[in-house]
Amino acid sequence: MQRHGSGGSAAIRFRVAGVVLVLAHLLLVSWLTLRPLDVMWVTAANLEPLAGIKAHLELGPVEAARHIGGGLLLLAPLGVLLPMASGRLAVSPWASLARTVAAGALLSLGIELLQTGVPGQVVDIDSLLLNTTGVALAHLAVVPAGRARLRRRLLRTRGGTALRGQGREVRRGAMLRDEGSQGATPTIPRVGIAP
């Protein structure tokens, strides 16, 4: 991505759209998960991994699909929106996945901890696992292919040699760095110390 010219303004618009969509999604998630519920009774908190998933599977396939699918889909859009908000095209796929999954896990953990103070909501470790898995699956399904497509489009519109001329390094047909070389580092000549 370029910092100046029309490519730079497109990159800025892309990042701003990503940030706005992330905030909108987080508002929706907080409304869904942190609003008080009027229920007759509340189940105990589930701190045993996979116990809730096993219980949902015992209820039948429709009920299991509703609970497990809901857990997977709740934060899944963040798997795409967080990399979009970062605006980076040239990043290691594994580093991007690790950052996105870690951010998704921390957000899910924050939601679960905030639910301890909300009437009718209970902490469920399986929700944390399902939310994090949903973020990872969405990221893997969309982000690598989307970044590759955007890099190909960028190279096609500007040509690989144009990127080299701007000080950006191009390997394997993809832009690897956002920042290019800024030229030689200025040096200051040594000045003797006065007696």
Protein backbone atom coordinates (compact mmCIF):
# COMPACT_ATOMS: atom_id res chain seq x y z
CA MET A 1 0.00 0.00 0.00
CA GLN A 2 1.15 3.45 -0.76
CA ARG A 3 1.13 6.39 1.59
CA HIS A 4 0.81 9.08 -1.09
CA GLY A 5 -1.40 9.49 -4.12
CA SER A 6 -4.61 7.72 -4.99
CA GLY A 7 -3.35 4.36 -3.70
CA GLY A 8 -2.71 5.93 -0.31
CA SER A 9 -6.18 7.39 -0.03
CA ALA A 10 -7.69 4.02 -1.02
CA ALA A 11 -5.65 2.31 1.69
CA ILE A 12 -6.77 4.86 4.26
CA ARG A 13 -10.41 4.42 3.26
CA PHE A 14 -9.99 0.65 3.50
CA ARG A 15 -8.54 0.89 7.02
CA VAL A 16 -11.17 3.38 8.18
CA ALA A 17 -13.92 1.10 6.88
CA GLY A 18 -12.30 -1.80 8.75
CA VAL A 19 -12.16 0.14 12.02
CA VAL A 20 -15.77 1.30 11.68
CA LEU A 21 -16.96 -2.25 10.95
CA VAL A 22 -14.99 -3.65 13.90
CA LEU A 23 -16.56 -1.11 16.24
CA ALA A 24 -20.05 -1.77 14.87
CA HIS A 25 -19.59 -5.52 15.27
CA LEU A 26 -18.29 -5.12 18.84
CA LEU A 27 -21.32 -2.98 19.71
CA LEU A 28 -23.62 -5.69 18.36
CA VAL A 29 -21.75 -8.42 20.23
CA SER A 30 -21.82 -6.47 23.49
CA TRP A 31 -25.56 -5.91 23.11
CA LEU A 32 -26.12 -9.63 22.48
CA THR A 33 -23.90 -10.93 25.26
CA LEU A 34 -23.96 -8.30 28.00
CA ARG A 35 -27.63 -7.43 28.31
CA PRO A 36 -29.45 -8.74 31.39
CA LEU A 37 -31.79 -11.68 30.80
CA ASP A 38 -35.02 -12.35 32.67
CA VAL A 39 -34.82 -16.07 33.38
CA MET A 40 -36.39 -18.30 36.04
CA TRP A 41 -33.07 -19.90 36.91
CA VAL A 42 -29.46 -19.66 35.88
CA THR A 43 -27.20 -22.62 35.27
CA ALA A 44 -23.86 -22.82 37.01
CA ALA A 45 -20.79 -21.45 35.31
CA ASN A 46 -19.06 -23.95 33.04
CA LEU A 47 -15.33 -23.98 33.72
CA GLU A 48 -14.69 -27.49 32.35
CA PRO A 49 -13.56 -27.39 28.70
CA LEU A 50 -15.88 -29.16 26.23
CA ALA A 51 -18.46 -30.09 28.90
CA GLY A 52 -21.00 -27.61 27.50
CA ILE A 53 -20.41 -28.80 23.95
CA LYS A 54 -20.99 -32.42 25.03
CA ALA A 55 -24.20 -31.38 26.79
CA HIS A 56 -25.42 -29.59 23.66
CA LEU A 57 -24.63 -32.62 21.51
CA GLU A 58 -26.77 -34.77 23.80
CA LEU A 59 -29.77 -32.47 23.18
CA GLY A 60 -29.93 -33.46 19.52
CA PRO A 61 -28.46 -32.24 16.25
CA VAL A 62 -30.69 -29.17 15.83
CA GLU A 63 -30.07 -27.85 19.33
CA ALA A 64 -26.35 -28.67 19.09
CA ALA A 65 -26.06 -26.88 15.75
CA ARG A 66 -27.83 -23.83 17.17
CA HIS A 67 -25.59 -23.54 20.23
CA ILE A 68 -22.30 -24.55 18.63
CA GLY A 69 -22.96 -22.57 15.44
CA GLY A 70 -23.91 -19.52 17.47
CA GLY A 71 -20.67 -19.78 19.44
CA LEU A 72 -18.63 -20.13 16.25
CA LEU A 73 -20.37 -17.25 14.47
CA LEU A 74 -20.48 -14.70 17.30
CA LEU A 75 -16.96 -13.32 16.87
CA ALA A 76 -16.13 -14.90 13.48
CA PRO A 77 -16.41 -11.59 11.55
CA LEU A 78 -13.48 -10.30 13.59
CA GLY A 79 -11.29 -12.87 11.83
CA VAL A 80 -11.72 -10.77 8.69
CA LEU A 81 -12.36 -7.30 10.13
CA LEU A 82 -9.29 -7.08 12.38
CA PRO A 83 -6.82 -7.69 9.52
CA MET A 84 -8.87 -5.29 7.39
CA ALA A 85 -8.55 -2.62 10.06
CA SER A 86 -4.78 -3.15 10.21
CA GLY A 87 -4.57 -2.40 6.49
CA ARG A 88 -1.49 -4.55 5.90
CA LEU A 89 -1.10 -6.43 2.67
CA ALA A 90 2.45 -7.57 3.18
CA VAL A 91 2.45 -9.67 6.30
CA SER A 92 3.25 -13.26 7.11
CA PRO A 93 0.07 -15.37 6.96
CA TRP A 94 1.00 -17.17 10.18
CA ALA A 95 1.77 -13.96 12.05
CA SER A 96 -1.52 -12.48 10.88
CA LEU A 97 -3.40 -15.59 11.99
CA ALA A 98 -1.66 -15.61 15.38
CA ARG A 99 -2.37 -11.91 16.01
CA THR A 100 -5.99 -12.19 14.93
CA VAL A 101 -6.69 -15.34 16.96
CA ALA A 102 -4.99 -13.85 20.03
CA ALA A 103 -7.09 -10.68 19.71
CA GLY A 104 -10.24 -12.76 19.26
CA ALA A 105 -9.41 -14.90 22.30
CA LEU A 106 -8.77 -11.82 24.44
CA LEU A 107 -12.02 -10.20 23.34
CA SER A 108 -13.93 -13.40 24.06
CA LEU A 109 -12.27 -13.67 27.47
CA GLY A 110 -13.20 -10.06 28.21
CA ILE A 111 -16.82 -10.76 27.29
CA GLU A 112 -16.91 -13.84 29.50
CA LEU A 113 -15.43 -11.92 32.43
CA LEU A 114 -17.89 -9.04 31.96
CA GLN A 115 -20.76 -11.53 31.95
CA THR A 116 -20.04 -12.37 35.59
CA GLY A 117 -21.70 -9.10 36.59
CA VAL A 118 -24.71 -9.34 34.27
CA PRO A 119 -27.92 -10.90 35.63
CA GLY A 120 -28.94 -14.00 33.71
CA GLN A 121 -25.60 -14.44 31.94
CA VAL A 122 -23.10 -17.12 32.98
CA VAL A 123 -19.47 -17.76 32.21
CA ASP A 124 -18.85 -20.64 29.82
CA ILE A 125 -15.34 -21.74 28.87
CA ASP A 126 -16.77 -23.46 25.80
CA SER A 127 -17.98 -20.08 24.53
CA LEU A 128 -14.39 -18.87 24.70
CA LEU A 129 -13.20 -21.92 22.75
CA LEU A 130 -15.96 -21.67 20.14
CA ASN A 131 -15.55 -17.90 19.67
CA THR A 132 -11.79 -18.24 19.21
CA THR A 133 -12.23 -21.13 16.78
CA GLY A 134 -14.75 -19.09 14.80
CA VAL A 135 -12.29 -16.20 14.50
CA ALA A 136 -9.55 -18.58 13.31
CA LEU A 137 -11.78 -20.31 10.75
CA ALA A 138 -13.06 -17.03 9.30
CA HIS A 139 -9.51 -15.69 9.07
CA LEU A 140 -8.24 -18.82 7.32
CA ALA A 141 -11.18 -18.90 4.91
CA VAL A 142 -11.01 -15.28 3.76
CA VAL A 143 -7.89 -13.29 4.66
CA PRO A 144 -5.02 -15.11 2.87
CA ALA A 145 -6.96 -15.32 -0.41
CA GLY A 146 -8.18 -11.73 -0.07
CA ARG A 147 -4.70 -10.37 0.57
CA ALA A 148 -3.28 -12.35 -2.35
CA ARG A 149 -5.98 -10.96 -4.62
CA LEU A 150 -5.33 -7.38 -3.47
CA ARG A 151 -1.56 -7.81 -3.93
CA ARG A 152 -2.10 -9.15 -7.48
CA ARG A 153 -4.38 -6.22 -8.27
CA LEU A 154 -1.83 -3.76 -6.87
CA LEU A 155 0.99 -5.31 -8.89
CA ARG A 156 -1.15 -5.41 -12.03
CA THR A 157 -2.15 -1.74 -11.76
CA ARG A 158 1.32 -0.46 -10.95
CA GLY A 159 3.58 -3.14 -12.34
CA GLY A 160 6.30 -4.86 -10.33
CA THR A 161 9.02 -2.48 -11.53
CA ALA A 162 7.09 0.57 -10.35
CA LEU A 163 7.14 -0.81 -6.83
CA ARG A 164 10.88 -1.43 -6.95
CA GLY A 165 11.43 2.14 -8.10
CA GLN A 166 9.63 3.41 -5.00
CA GLY A 167 12.01 1.61 -2.68
CA ARG A 168 9.66 -1.25 -1.86
CA GLU A 169 10.87 -4.78 -2.06
CA VAL A 170 8.93 -7.21 -4.23
CA ARG A 171 9.43 -10.97 -3.99
CA ARG A 172 7.36 -13.80 -5.41
CA GLY A 173 5.05 -11.22 -6.99
CA ALA A 174 3.93 -9.80 -3.63
CA MET A 175 4.76 -6.68 -1.72
CA LEU A 176 6.51 -7.70 1.49
CA ARG A 177 6.92 -4.42 3.30
CA ASP A 178 4.73 -1.39 3.85
CA GLU A 179 7.66 0.88 4.47
CA GLY A 180 10.41 1.09 1.93
CA SER A 181 13.95 2.31 2.22
CA GLN A 182 14.13 5.97 3.10
CA GLY A 183 17.63 6.41 1.70
CA ALA A 184 21.03 6.57 3.36
CA THR A 185 21.21 7.44 7.03
CA PRO A 186 22.67 10.93 7.50
CA THR A 187 25.93 11.08 9.41
CA ILE A 188 27.44 13.89 11.40
CA PRO A 189 31.19 14.41 11.01
CA ARG A 190 33.22 14.08 14.18
CA VAL A 191 34.00 17.28 15.91
CA GLY A 192 37.01 17.51 18.14
CA ILE A 193 36.53 18.42 21.79
CA ALA A 194 37.87 21.83 22.76
CA PRO A 195 40.65 21.98 25.37
